[in-house]
Amino acid sequence: MKFLQLILPALFMTFFAACDSGDSSDITQPEIIKQYTVEVYLENRIIPDSVTITVFSKNHTVKSTVKTRKKCFAGSPCLFETAPLKYEEYARITAFAHAINGNDTTKMEFFRFAPMNATNPWINAEYQTPILNIYTAAASKAVEYFLQENRMSYEEATTKAYDNMKAFGIADREFEKDKYNPNVSSMSAAQLPYIYCRYFLSDSVFYSDFLELQDAIRDGEWGDTLFRVRAADAFVRTFKNMKWNNAPGMTFYGYDDFIPNFWEITYGMEVCNDRLIGDTLVNANRRSEFYDSVFVCAGRLKQAGFKWQHWRIREPEEEKMGICELGSGIINRFNPKIGEIDSTIYICAQEGWKKTNNVNTILKYRQVPCNAETINRTYIYNDTLYLCHSMDHSDEEWQTLYLSGTKHVYCAWTGDKDIIDSVYPGGVPDSALLINVEGLWK
């Protein structure tokens, strides 16, 4: 009897010890059922319409696809959140968006993959809300390929995809958290896909380029040179005189230097500085559509005395009339730089050489004098009679200048009939007509 009293407790403890030593992997982990929340950061013209979440298991099987609802609060980012759902290994976040440019609407789709498993060592508090931005969307096809075709884990697939982006200089996991918007900050490496995909040209061009970029990253066929040179060429065509020309463009701080810096670095040009202002060089990048084109080192003053000094394409008119270089960026309205092509007069303006119909500019260039000696003399130009008149401060075009406290009145040609009639109420006599006789005005 005493033996039974001793052996029964021992058997009891042995039973529980055996149960406790079982394989812990067979024990089902508690399910995580809660909302899944994401943030979307795309350029301002791109408007997210809806977001869906596709949930994948560890063996890459689709478990469910659910819709989200948009949740916005004043002063906070807009979130897209699901109803409570069972968390699996990772999710595909798909944003359906559109962009409107005039009467054209471009439909777009951006997606990324993000982990869901809270036990994943990569996940920390900062990553509990995945971010869909241009950087994570650019890598998405590569991540998808490595997940689905190569059967890699989420971490392996993401690392491999970002390694494929290194030639672009944007392979940094920190960009997964980037909430930057090109309209409110300076251009960063995380936003370069907007540039490579020529977002500044149009939304349709951008989206077509973006799909190409995704394929290039997935295939590892580095089209970095293609994308970079193509973007540089588009910049040269559309960004002139520190503003966009016939293109929607894009706004970010420092764009007036970032953009020419981009094409200068891409083409391999030396730095434009004070010593080289007005000099020219030939673009030696054979991949560029502007290969063998002449660029000019131009400069002007910006606000607060900062200098803008960059290589820009030489315009066709400059081949015949010389470089239109304002330097200070201010047009000398009383003594502008003037040129002529095929009897057409041009003035050097902010936009470069620009055709002018200003009779005073044209007649001054043709050396038809209007000064103190020719006051009240007349001249016929293009079958119109003009009077050399003393302009006072009330005249809008030829304003009085005050230099050192002295009032300076300028003489200028006018075709105003009332002014001409006030000087010659009985009609203009032949003696008033200015005539050039063998280079002498009489």
Protein backbone atom coordinates (compact mmCIF):
# COMPACT_ATOMS: atom_id res chain seq x y z
CA MET A 1 0.00 0.00 0.00
CA LYS A 2 2.77 2.36 0.84
CA PHE A 3 4.39 1.45 -2.46
CA LEU A 4 1.24 2.51 -4.37
CA GLN A 5 1.13 5.79 -2.47
CA LEU A 6 4.65 6.51 -3.67
CA ILE A 7 4.34 5.39 -7.30
CA LEU A 8 1.06 7.13 -8.19
CA PRO A 9 2.32 10.71 -7.64
CA ALA A 10 5.46 9.86 -9.61
CA LEU A 11 3.42 8.59 -12.55
CA PHE A 12 1.21 11.69 -12.35
CA MET A 13 4.23 14.05 -12.57
CA THR A 14 5.78 11.99 -15.38
CA PHE A 15 2.56 12.33 -17.41
CA PHE A 16 2.55 16.12 -17.18
CA ALA A 17 6.26 16.35 -17.89
CA ALA A 18 5.73 14.34 -21.05
CA CYS A 19 2.92 16.66 -22.13
CA ASP A 20 5.03 19.75 -21.42
CA SER A 21 7.98 18.50 -23.48
CA GLY A 22 5.90 18.31 -26.68
CA ASP A 23 6.84 20.28 -29.88
CA SER A 24 5.85 23.90 -29.23
CA SER A 25 5.44 24.48 -32.98
CA ASP A 26 2.26 22.41 -32.86
CA ILE A 27 0.69 24.88 -30.50
CA THR A 28 -1.59 27.29 -32.39
CA GLN A 29 -0.66 30.93 -31.86
CA PRO A 30 -3.53 33.25 -30.97
CA GLU A 31 -5.07 34.91 -34.01
CA ILE A 32 -4.56 38.64 -34.44
CA ILE A 33 -7.83 40.26 -35.51
CA LYS A 34 -7.74 44.03 -35.81
CA GLN A 35 -7.91 46.86 -38.32
CA TYR A 36 -5.12 47.19 -40.87
CA THR A 37 -4.23 50.82 -41.59
CA VAL A 38 -2.11 52.34 -44.38
CA GLU A 39 -1.05 55.83 -45.49
CA VAL A 40 -0.75 56.98 -49.11
CA TYR A 41 1.60 59.79 -50.20
CA LEU A 42 1.51 60.68 -53.89
CA GLU A 43 2.13 63.89 -55.78
CA ASN A 44 -0.67 66.44 -55.65
CA ARG A 45 -2.04 65.85 -59.15
CA ILE A 46 -2.51 62.14 -58.35
CA ILE A 47 -5.76 61.63 -56.44
CA PRO A 48 -6.29 58.28 -54.62
CA ASP A 49 -9.84 57.06 -55.19
CA SER A 50 -9.77 53.84 -53.17
CA VAL A 51 -7.40 51.35 -51.55
CA THR A 52 -7.73 47.57 -51.26
CA ILE A 53 -5.80 45.15 -49.05
CA THR A 54 -4.98 41.61 -50.26
CA VAL A 55 -3.82 39.35 -47.43
CA PHE A 56 -1.24 36.60 -48.08
CA SER A 57 -0.23 33.67 -45.90
CA LYS A 58 3.38 32.64 -45.25
CA ASN A 59 3.25 30.22 -48.21
CA HIS A 60 2.12 33.09 -50.52
CA THR A 61 -1.52 32.01 -50.71
CA VAL A 62 -4.18 34.72 -51.00
CA LYS A 63 -6.39 34.55 -47.92
CA SER A 64 -8.67 37.51 -48.59
CA THR A 65 -9.07 40.84 -50.36
CA VAL A 66 -10.85 43.62 -48.52
CA LYS A 67 -11.73 47.25 -49.12
CA THR A 68 -10.74 50.14 -46.90
CA ARG A 69 -12.43 53.31 -45.81
CA LYS A 70 -10.77 56.71 -45.90
CA LYS A 71 -10.28 58.32 -42.52
CA CYS A 72 -9.18 61.95 -42.39
CA PHE A 73 -8.81 64.46 -39.59
CA ALA A 74 -7.87 68.11 -39.82
CA GLY A 75 -4.13 68.58 -39.48
CA SER A 76 -3.44 64.84 -39.82
CA PRO A 77 -2.68 62.59 -42.79
CA CYS A 78 -5.52 60.68 -44.41
CA LEU A 79 -5.49 57.00 -43.49
CA PHE A 80 -7.11 54.05 -45.22
CA GLU A 81 -8.27 51.38 -42.78
CA THR A 82 -9.99 48.01 -43.03
CA ALA A 83 -12.61 46.47 -40.82
CA PRO A 84 -11.07 44.12 -38.22
CA LEU A 85 -9.49 41.16 -40.01
CA LYS A 86 -7.19 38.23 -39.35
CA TYR A 87 -3.53 39.15 -39.84
CA GLU A 88 -1.39 36.89 -41.99
CA GLU A 89 2.23 37.13 -43.19
CA TYR A 90 2.07 40.10 -45.58
CA ALA A 91 -0.38 42.25 -47.55
CA ARG A 92 -0.59 43.79 -51.00
CA ILE A 93 -1.72 47.43 -50.69
CA THR A 94 -3.27 48.69 -53.94
CA ALA A 95 -4.25 52.31 -54.47
CA PHE A 96 -6.50 53.15 -57.43
CA ALA A 97 -5.99 56.76 -58.47
CA HIS A 98 -6.57 59.25 -61.26
CA ALA A 99 -5.09 62.50 -62.50
CA ILE A 100 -6.95 65.20 -64.43
CA ASN A 101 -5.18 67.50 -66.87
CA GLY A 102 -7.68 69.63 -68.76
CA ASN A 103 -10.18 67.26 -70.37
CA ASP A 104 -7.87 64.26 -70.03
CA THR A 105 -8.18 61.79 -67.16
CA THR A 106 -5.39 59.29 -66.56
CA LYS A 107 -6.25 56.25 -64.44
CA MET A 108 -3.40 54.82 -62.40
CA GLU A 109 -2.73 51.95 -60.02
CA PHE A 110 0.03 51.92 -57.43
CA PHE A 111 0.79 49.04 -55.08
CA ARG A 112 3.31 47.80 -52.57
CA PHE A 113 3.76 44.83 -50.27
CA ALA A 114 3.99 45.25 -46.51
CA PRO A 115 4.36 42.81 -43.61
CA MET A 116 1.43 42.02 -41.32
CA ASN A 117 2.91 39.48 -38.90
CA ALA A 118 3.55 41.38 -35.67
CA THR A 119 6.26 38.89 -34.69
CA ASN A 120 8.34 39.82 -37.74
CA PRO A 121 11.63 41.27 -36.39
CA TRP A 122 11.57 43.98 -39.08
CA ILE A 123 8.35 45.38 -37.71
CA ASN A 124 8.55 48.07 -35.05
CA ALA A 125 6.26 50.83 -33.91
CA GLU A 126 7.17 53.06 -36.86
CA TYR A 127 6.20 50.39 -39.37
CA GLN A 128 2.85 49.44 -37.88
CA THR A 129 1.28 51.82 -40.44
CA PRO A 130 2.76 50.96 -43.86
CA ILE A 131 3.27 53.83 -46.30
CA LEU A 132 2.55 53.64 -50.02
CA ASN A 133 4.69 56.24 -51.77
CA ILE A 134 6.42 56.52 -55.14
CA TYR A 135 9.49 54.71 -53.81
CA THR A 136 7.70 51.65 -52.43
CA ALA A 137 5.46 51.56 -55.53
CA ALA A 138 8.49 51.61 -57.87
CA ALA A 139 9.91 48.50 -56.19
CA SER A 140 6.56 46.67 -56.05
CA LYS A 141 6.82 44.53 -59.20
CA ALA A 142 10.26 43.34 -58.16
CA VAL A 143 9.02 42.45 -54.67
CA GLU A 144 6.03 40.64 -56.18
CA TYR A 145 8.25 38.66 -58.55
CA PHE A 146 10.64 37.55 -55.81
CA LEU A 147 7.74 36.61 -53.54
CA GLN A 148 5.60 34.74 -56.06
CA GLU A 149 8.11 33.33 -58.55
CA ASN A 150 11.21 32.84 -56.41
CA ARG A 151 9.19 31.97 -53.28
CA MET A 152 11.36 34.22 -51.12
CA SER A 153 10.26 35.43 -47.74
CA TYR A 154 8.92 38.98 -47.50
CA GLU A 155 12.17 40.23 -46.02
CA GLU A 156 14.33 38.51 -48.65
CA ALA A 157 12.15 39.72 -51.53
CA THR A 158 12.13 43.32 -50.31
CA THR A 159 15.89 43.38 -49.74
CA LYS A 160 16.52 41.95 -53.21
CA ALA A 161 14.18 44.47 -54.85
CA TYR A 162 15.83 47.42 -53.13
CA ASP A 163 19.25 46.07 -54.10
CA ASN A 164 18.06 46.26 -57.70
CA MET A 165 17.42 49.98 -57.21
CA LYS A 166 20.96 50.82 -56.14
CA ALA A 167 21.99 52.12 -59.55
CA PHE A 168 19.39 54.84 -59.11
CA GLY A 169 20.88 55.89 -55.81
CA ILE A 170 17.60 55.26 -53.99
CA ALA A 171 18.13 51.88 -52.30
CA ASP A 172 17.47 52.84 -48.69
CA ARG A 173 14.95 51.10 -46.45
CA GLU A 174 14.29 54.41 -44.72
CA PHE A 175 12.45 55.58 -47.85
CA GLU A 176 9.73 53.05 -46.96
CA LYS A 177 8.65 55.53 -44.30
CA ASP A 178 8.94 58.62 -46.51
CA LYS A 179 5.94 60.93 -46.19
CA TYR A 180 7.49 63.61 -48.35
CA ASN A 181 5.46 65.40 -51.01
CA PRO A 182 7.32 67.14 -53.87
CA ASN A 183 5.02 70.16 -53.59
CA VAL A 184 6.07 71.09 -50.08
CA SER A 185 9.76 70.33 -49.73
CA SER A 186 13.05 70.09 -51.59
CA MET A 187 13.57 67.19 -53.96
CA SER A 188 14.91 64.10 -52.19
CA ALA A 189 16.35 60.82 -53.43
CA ALA A 190 13.14 59.03 -52.47
CA GLN A 191 11.21 61.16 -55.00
CA LEU A 192 13.54 60.63 -57.97
CA PRO A 193 11.09 58.24 -59.69
CA TYR A 194 8.92 61.30 -60.40
CA ILE A 195 11.86 62.80 -62.29
CA TYR A 196 12.94 59.57 -64.02
CA CYS A 197 9.36 59.02 -65.18
CA ARG A 198 8.97 62.61 -66.45
CA TYR A 199 6.04 63.50 -64.24
CA PHE A 200 6.63 67.15 -65.19
CA LEU A 201 5.62 66.50 -68.84
CA SER A 202 2.17 64.98 -68.37
CA ASP A 203 0.35 62.42 -66.28
CA SER A 204 0.01 59.95 -69.17
CA VAL A 205 3.75 60.12 -69.96
CA PHE A 206 4.54 59.71 -66.28
CA TYR A 207 2.40 56.60 -65.83
CA SER A 208 3.72 54.95 -68.99
CA ASP A 209 7.30 55.61 -67.86
CA PHE A 210 6.47 54.40 -64.36
CA LEU A 211 5.31 51.01 -65.62
CA GLU A 212 8.59 50.74 -67.56
CA LEU A 213 10.52 51.65 -64.43
CA GLN A 214 8.81 48.93 -62.40
CA ASP A 215 9.70 46.34 -65.07
CA ALA A 216 13.31 47.54 -65.21
CA ILE A 217 13.71 47.21 -61.44
CA ARG A 218 12.12 43.75 -61.48
CA ASP A 219 14.29 42.48 -64.35
CA GLY A 220 17.48 44.07 -63.06
CA GLU A 221 18.11 45.36 -66.59
CA TRP A 222 19.38 48.65 -65.50
CA GLY A 223 17.83 51.31 -67.60
CA ASP A 224 19.25 53.94 -65.28
CA THR A 225 21.05 55.63 -68.18
CA LEU A 226 17.89 55.53 -70.29
CA PHE A 227 15.67 56.96 -67.59
CA ARG A 228 18.18 59.54 -66.41
CA VAL A 229 19.18 60.84 -69.87
CA ARG A 230 15.59 60.81 -71.08
CA ALA A 231 14.56 62.93 -68.10
CA ALA A 232 17.51 65.30 -68.60
CA ASP A 233 16.56 65.81 -72.25
CA ALA A 234 12.96 66.52 -71.27
CA PHE A 235 14.17 69.07 -68.72
CA VAL A 236 16.25 70.85 -71.37
CA ARG A 237 13.22 71.06 -73.68
CA THR A 238 10.72 72.27 -71.12
CA PHE A 239 12.59 74.18 -68.40
CA LYS A 240 13.89 77.44 -69.81
CA ASN A 241 14.77 80.74 -68.19
CA MET A 242 14.00 79.34 -64.74
CA LYS A 243 10.41 78.40 -65.56
CA TRP A 244 8.40 75.67 -67.29
CA ASN A 245 7.74 75.98 -71.01
CA ASN A 246 4.67 74.20 -72.44
CA ALA A 247 4.61 71.61 -69.64
CA PRO A 248 2.64 71.23 -66.38
CA GLY A 249 5.94 71.02 -64.50
CA MET A 250 6.15 70.31 -60.80
CA THR A 251 6.80 72.51 -57.79
CA PHE A 252 9.37 71.87 -55.09
CA TYR A 253 11.78 74.11 -53.24
CA GLY A 254 15.07 74.68 -55.02
CA TYR A 255 13.79 73.44 -58.41
CA ASP A 256 15.47 76.29 -60.33
CA ASP A 257 18.90 74.88 -59.37
CA PHE A 258 17.97 71.19 -59.00
CA ILE A 259 16.77 70.89 -62.59
CA PRO A 260 19.83 72.31 -64.43
CA ASN A 261 22.06 70.50 -61.92
CA PHE A 262 20.33 67.29 -63.02
CA TRP A 263 21.08 67.69 -66.72
CA GLU A 264 24.61 68.98 -66.07
CA ILE A 265 25.47 65.92 -63.95
CA THR A 266 23.76 63.55 -66.39
CA TYR A 267 25.62 64.98 -69.38
CA GLY A 268 28.91 65.17 -67.46
CA MET A 269 29.40 68.94 -67.75
CA GLU A 270 31.85 70.98 -65.73
CA VAL A 271 30.53 73.54 -63.26
CA CYS A 272 29.30 76.84 -64.73
CA ASN A 273 30.77 79.75 -62.73
CA ASP A 274 31.78 83.42 -62.96
CA ARG A 275 34.84 82.57 -65.04
CA LEU A 276 32.81 80.74 -67.70
CA ILE A 277 29.77 83.03 -68.04
CA GLY A 278 29.05 83.47 -71.75
CA ASP A 279 31.26 80.52 -72.77
CA THR A 280 29.89 77.57 -74.70
CA LEU A 281 30.50 73.82 -74.71
CA VAL A 282 29.22 70.85 -76.69
CA ASN A 283 27.19 68.10 -75.03
CA ALA A 284 29.33 64.97 -75.35
CA ASN A 285 26.75 62.48 -74.03
CA ARG A 286 26.00 60.25 -77.01
CA ARG A 287 22.81 58.87 -75.46
CA SER A 288 21.23 62.31 -75.34
CA GLU A 289 19.04 63.68 -78.09
CA PHE A 290 21.03 66.88 -77.54
CA TYR A 291 24.33 65.15 -78.29
CA ASP A 292 26.67 67.59 -80.07
CA SER A 293 24.36 70.51 -79.19
CA VAL A 294 25.89 73.73 -77.91
CA PHE A 295 25.22 74.81 -74.32
CA VAL A 296 25.87 78.27 -72.87
CA CYS A 297 27.11 79.07 -69.37
CA ALA A 298 24.49 81.62 -68.28
CA GLY A 299 23.99 83.49 -65.04
CA ARG A 300 21.71 85.90 -63.31
CA LEU A 301 21.07 87.24 -59.84
CA LYS A 302 18.26 85.80 -57.77
CA GLN A 303 16.75 87.22 -54.60
CA ALA A 304 19.03 88.16 -51.72
CA GLY A 305 22.00 88.32 -54.07
CA PHE A 306 22.18 84.57 -54.77
CA LYS A 307 23.51 83.63 -58.19
CA TRP A 308 21.92 81.29 -60.73
CA GLN A 309 24.73 79.94 -62.88
CA HIS A 310 24.11 76.96 -65.14
CA TRP A 311 24.65 75.51 -68.59
CA ARG A 312 21.58 75.91 -70.79
CA ILE A 313 20.92 74.98 -74.40
CA ARG A 314 21.89 77.63 -76.95
CA GLU A 315 18.76 78.81 -78.73
CA PRO A 316 18.68 78.91 -82.58
CA GLU A 317 18.49 82.74 -82.64
CA GLU A 318 21.69 82.95 -80.60
CA GLU A 319 23.68 81.35 -83.40
CA LYS A 320 23.10 84.48 -85.51
CA MET A 321 22.64 87.27 -82.96
CA GLY A 322 24.93 86.13 -80.19
CA ILE A 323 24.17 85.00 -76.65
CA CYS A 324 21.19 86.64 -74.95
CA GLU A 325 22.60 87.02 -71.46
CA LEU A 326 20.92 89.41 -69.02
CA GLY A 327 23.29 88.77 -66.16
CA SER A 328 21.33 90.61 -63.49
CA GLY A 329 18.10 89.29 -64.95
CA ILE A 330 16.84 92.85 -65.48
CA ILE A 331 16.11 94.21 -68.96
CA ASN A 332 17.56 97.65 -69.63
CA ARG A 333 14.44 99.21 -71.08
CA PHE A 334 16.25 102.37 -72.22
CA ASN A 335 19.22 100.62 -73.77
CA PRO A 336 18.26 96.98 -74.42
CA LYS A 337 20.40 94.45 -76.22
CA ILE A 338 19.08 94.24 -79.78
CA GLY A 339 19.63 91.90 -82.72
CA GLU A 340 18.25 91.35 -86.21
CA ILE A 341 17.49 88.32 -88.39
CA ASP A 342 16.02 88.74 -91.90
CA SER A 343 14.88 92.33 -91.21
CA THR A 344 13.13 91.23 -88.00
CA ILE A 345 14.25 93.02 -84.85
CA TYR A 346 14.72 91.09 -81.59
CA ILE A 347 15.26 92.27 -78.04
CA CYS A 348 17.12 90.28 -75.38
CA ALA A 349 14.41 89.62 -72.75
CA GLN A 350 13.81 87.28 -69.84
CA GLU A 351 12.64 84.60 -72.28
CA GLY A 352 15.70 85.02 -74.52
CA TRP A 353 15.62 86.71 -77.92
CA LYS A 354 12.10 87.97 -78.50
CA LYS A 355 10.60 89.68 -81.55
CA THR A 356 9.70 93.30 -80.88
CA ASN A 357 7.33 95.76 -82.56
CA ASN A 358 8.41 98.65 -80.36
CA VAL A 359 9.03 101.47 -82.81
CA ASN A 360 11.51 103.24 -80.51
CA THR A 361 13.60 100.09 -80.17
CA ILE A 362 13.51 99.47 -83.92
CA LEU A 363 14.30 103.02 -84.96
CA LYS A 364 17.08 103.33 -82.41
CA TYR A 365 18.59 100.11 -83.74
CA ARG A 366 18.33 101.52 -87.28
CA GLN A 367 20.05 104.64 -85.98
CA VAL A 368 17.16 106.98 -86.68
CA PRO A 369 17.84 109.71 -84.09
CA CYS A 370 15.28 111.04 -81.65
CA ASN A 371 17.05 113.44 -79.31
CA ALA A 372 17.16 117.06 -78.22
CA GLU A 373 18.33 118.06 -81.72
CA THR A 374 15.48 116.32 -83.53
CA ILE A 375 12.60 117.26 -81.22
CA ASN A 376 9.39 117.82 -83.25
CA ARG A 377 10.90 116.20 -86.34
CA THR A 378 8.89 113.43 -87.97
CA TYR A 379 9.74 110.14 -89.63
CA ILE A 380 7.74 107.68 -91.71
CA TYR A 381 8.18 104.01 -90.77
CA ASN A 382 6.07 101.24 -92.31
CA ASP A 383 3.77 103.89 -93.81
CA THR A 384 3.06 105.39 -90.39
CA LEU A 385 4.06 108.92 -89.33
CA TYR A 386 5.95 109.27 -86.05
CA LEU A 387 6.92 112.39 -84.10
CA CYS A 388 10.08 112.78 -82.00
CA HIS A 389 8.58 114.04 -78.77
CA SER A 390 9.79 114.96 -75.28
CA MET A 391 8.18 112.47 -72.90
CA ASP A 392 7.41 113.47 -69.34
CA HIS A 393 6.83 111.40 -66.22
CA SER A 394 3.19 110.70 -67.06
CA ASP A 395 4.09 108.61 -70.11
CA GLU A 396 3.83 104.95 -69.18
CA GLU A 397 6.37 103.49 -71.59
CA TRP A 398 9.14 106.10 -71.39
CA GLN A 399 9.11 107.04 -67.75
CA THR A 400 11.20 109.83 -66.28
CA LEU A 401 14.27 108.66 -64.36
CA TYR A 402 15.59 110.43 -61.30
CA LEU A 403 19.35 110.13 -60.96
CA SER A 404 21.05 111.87 -58.02
CA GLY A 405 17.95 113.95 -57.50
CA THR A 406 17.95 115.24 -61.09
CA LYS A 407 14.93 114.86 -63.34
CA HIS A 408 15.78 113.24 -66.70
CA VAL A 409 13.26 113.48 -69.52
CA TYR A 410 13.62 111.10 -72.47
CA CYS A 411 12.87 111.76 -76.11
CA ALA A 412 10.89 109.08 -77.89
CA TRP A 413 9.02 108.47 -81.13
CA THR A 414 5.23 108.55 -80.88
CA GLY A 415 2.52 107.86 -83.41
CA ASP A 416 -0.16 109.49 -81.25
CA LYS A 417 -2.19 111.62 -83.72
CA ASP A 418 -3.39 114.02 -81.02
CA ILE A 419 0.19 114.80 -79.99
CA ILE A 420 1.27 115.24 -83.61
CA ASP A 421 -1.73 117.53 -84.31
CA SER A 422 -0.97 119.59 -81.18
CA VAL A 423 2.55 120.25 -82.49
CA TYR A 424 1.46 120.77 -86.12
CA PRO A 425 -2.21 121.88 -86.03
CA GLY A 426 -2.06 122.91 -89.68
CA GLY A 427 -0.44 119.70 -90.85
CA VAL A 428 3.15 118.47 -90.87
CA PRO A 429 5.36 120.54 -93.21
CA ASP A 430 7.85 118.81 -95.49
CA SER A 431 10.67 120.58 -93.63
CA ALA A 432 9.77 118.61 -90.46
CA LEU A 433 10.32 115.26 -92.13
CA LEU A 434 13.63 113.62 -91.14
CA ILE A 435 15.46 112.28 -94.21
CA ASN A 436 18.67 110.28 -94.38
CA VAL A 437 20.92 111.60 -97.11
CA GLU A 438 24.12 109.58 -97.53
CA GLY A 439 24.23 108.77 -93.81
CA LEU A 440 23.38 112.31 -92.70
CA TRP A 441 20.00 113.07 -91.23
CA LYS A 442 18.37 116.30 -92.47
